[in-house]
Amino acid sequence: MPIGPNAAGALNALPMSNVTQGGKVAPVTTYKPGSGGLPANGAAFGYSAR
């Protein structure tokens, strides 16, 4: 998912409870390259987010 002018991307994690009938709606978690200890670029970001 592109974010801003640098198009570095991001990963959005949707909790299963949000898509389960009768489940509690929980916040979506967004992981961005270079934040929270994740690598800033390259294939390492995708590998770390697994």
N, C-alpha and C. Protein backbone atom coordinates (compact mmCIF):
# COMPACT_ATOMS: atom_id res chain seq x y z
N MET A 1 0.84 -1.17 0.00
CA MET A 1 0.00 0.00 0.00
C MET A 1 0.89 1.23 0.00
N PRO A 2 0.82 2.05 -1.01
CA PRO A 2 1.66 3.25 -1.05
C PRO A 2 1.28 4.26 0.04
N ILE A 3 2.28 4.86 0.63
CA ILE A 3 2.06 5.91 1.61
C ILE A 3 2.94 7.09 1.24
N GLY A 4 2.33 8.22 0.96
CA GLY A 4 3.07 9.44 0.70
C GLY A 4 3.88 9.41 -0.57
N PRO A 5 4.70 10.43 -0.72
CA PRO A 5 5.46 10.59 -1.97
C PRO A 5 6.57 9.57 -2.16
N ASN A 6 7.05 8.93 -1.09
CA ASN A 6 8.15 7.99 -1.25
C ASN A 6 7.66 6.58 -1.60
N ALA A 7 6.37 6.31 -1.48
CA ALA A 7 5.77 5.02 -1.84
C ALA A 7 6.51 3.85 -1.19
N ALA A 8 6.93 4.02 0.07
CA ALA A 8 7.65 2.95 0.77
C ALA A 8 6.74 1.78 1.10
N GLY A 9 5.44 2.03 1.24
CA GLY A 9 4.51 0.96 1.51
C GLY A 9 4.24 0.77 2.99
N ALA A 10 3.35 -0.16 3.29
CA ALA A 10 2.98 -0.48 4.67
C ALA A 10 2.25 -1.81 4.68
N LEU A 11 2.06 -2.34 5.86
CA LEU A 11 1.32 -3.59 6.04
C LEU A 11 0.22 -3.31 7.05
N ASN A 12 -1.02 -3.60 6.68
CA ASN A 12 -2.15 -3.45 7.59
C ASN A 12 -2.61 -4.84 8.01
N ALA A 13 -2.69 -5.06 9.32
CA ALA A 13 -3.12 -6.35 9.87
C ALA A 13 -4.53 -6.21 10.42
N LEU A 14 -5.47 -6.92 9.82
CA LEU A 14 -6.87 -6.89 10.23
C LEU A 14 -7.14 -8.06 11.17
N PRO A 15 -7.56 -7.78 12.40
CA PRO A 15 -7.86 -8.88 13.34
C PRO A 15 -8.99 -9.77 12.82
N MET A 16 -8.89 -11.08 13.04
CA MET A 16 -9.92 -12.00 12.59
C MET A 16 -11.28 -11.71 13.21
N SER A 17 -11.29 -11.15 14.42
CA SER A 17 -12.58 -10.85 15.06
C SER A 17 -13.37 -9.81 14.28
N ASN A 18 -12.67 -8.98 13.48
CA ASN A 18 -13.36 -7.96 12.67
C ASN A 18 -14.17 -8.58 11.52
N VAL A 19 -13.78 -9.76 11.09
CA VAL A 19 -14.46 -10.39 9.95
C VAL A 19 -15.24 -11.64 10.35
N THR A 20 -15.32 -11.91 11.63
CA THR A 20 -16.08 -13.05 12.13
C THR A 20 -17.44 -12.56 12.62
N GLN A 21 -18.49 -13.22 12.19
CA GLN A 21 -19.83 -12.82 12.60
C GLN A 21 -19.95 -12.82 14.11
N GLY A 22 -20.38 -11.69 14.66
CA GLY A 22 -20.53 -11.56 16.10
C GLY A 22 -19.23 -11.25 16.84
N GLY A 23 -18.14 -11.12 16.09
CA GLY A 23 -16.84 -10.84 16.71
C GLY A 23 -16.72 -9.39 17.14
N LYS A 24 -15.85 -9.16 18.11
CA LYS A 24 -15.60 -7.81 18.60
C LYS A 24 -14.77 -7.04 17.57
N VAL A 25 -15.15 -5.80 17.31
CA VAL A 25 -14.39 -4.97 16.38
C VAL A 25 -13.15 -4.45 17.10
N ALA A 26 -11.99 -4.81 16.58
CA ALA A 26 -10.72 -4.41 17.16
C ALA A 26 -9.98 -3.49 16.19
N PRO A 27 -9.05 -2.69 16.69
CA PRO A 27 -8.32 -1.78 15.80
C PRO A 27 -7.40 -2.53 14.83
N VAL A 28 -7.25 -1.95 13.65
CA VAL A 28 -6.33 -2.47 12.64
C VAL A 28 -4.92 -2.00 13.01
N THR A 29 -3.94 -2.86 12.89
CA THR A 29 -2.55 -2.51 13.18
C THR A 29 -1.84 -2.21 11.87
N THR A 30 -1.13 -1.08 11.81
CA THR A 30 -0.37 -0.71 10.62
C THR A 30 1.11 -0.76 10.94
N TYR A 31 1.86 -1.49 10.12
CA TYR A 31 3.30 -1.58 10.25
C TYR A 31 3.93 -0.80 9.10
N LYS A 32 4.85 0.11 9.42
CA LYS A 32 5.49 0.93 8.40
C LYS A 32 7.00 0.66 8.39
N PRO A 33 7.60 0.63 7.19
CA PRO A 33 9.04 0.43 7.11
C PRO A 33 9.79 1.49 7.90
N GLY A 34 10.80 1.08 8.65
CA GLY A 34 11.63 2.01 9.40
C GLY A 34 11.06 2.41 10.75
N SER A 35 9.92 1.84 11.16
CA SER A 35 9.37 2.17 12.47
C SER A 35 9.13 0.89 13.26
N GLY A 36 9.16 1.01 14.57
CA GLY A 36 8.91 -0.14 15.43
C GLY A 36 9.94 -1.25 15.30
N GLY A 37 11.16 -0.91 14.91
CA GLY A 37 12.21 -1.91 14.79
C GLY A 37 12.23 -2.66 13.46
N LEU A 38 11.33 -2.32 12.54
CA LEU A 38 11.32 -2.97 11.22
C LEU A 38 12.33 -2.31 10.30
N PRO A 39 12.92 -3.06 9.37
CA PRO A 39 13.86 -2.48 8.42
C PRO A 39 13.19 -1.40 7.57
N ALA A 40 13.97 -0.42 7.14
CA ALA A 40 13.43 0.71 6.41
C ALA A 40 13.11 0.40 4.95
N ASN A 41 13.76 -0.59 4.34
CA ASN A 41 13.51 -0.84 2.92
C ASN A 41 13.94 -2.24 2.52
N GLY A 42 13.71 -2.54 1.27
CA GLY A 42 14.15 -3.80 0.70
C GLY A 42 13.29 -4.98 1.11
N ALA A 43 13.74 -6.16 0.74
CA ALA A 43 13.00 -7.39 1.02
C ALA A 43 12.96 -7.69 2.50
N ALA A 44 13.85 -7.10 3.28
CA ALA A 44 13.89 -7.37 4.71
C ALA A 44 12.61 -6.94 5.41
N PHE A 45 11.96 -5.87 4.93
CA PHE A 45 10.71 -5.43 5.55
C PHE A 45 9.64 -6.51 5.39
N GLY A 46 9.46 -7.03 4.21
CA GLY A 46 8.46 -8.08 3.97
C GLY A 46 8.77 -9.34 4.74
N TYR A 47 10.02 -9.70 4.85
CA TYR A 47 10.41 -10.89 5.59
C TYR A 47 10.14 -10.71 7.08
N SER A 48 10.41 -9.52 7.61
CA SER A 48 10.24 -9.26 9.04
C SER A 48 8.76 -9.22 9.42
N ALA A 49 7.90 -8.89 8.49
CA ALA A 49 6.48 -8.74 8.78
C ALA A 49 5.71 -10.07 8.74
N ARG A 50 6.35 -11.15 8.40
CA ARG A 50 5.66 -12.44 8.30
C ARG A 50 5.10 -12.89 9.60
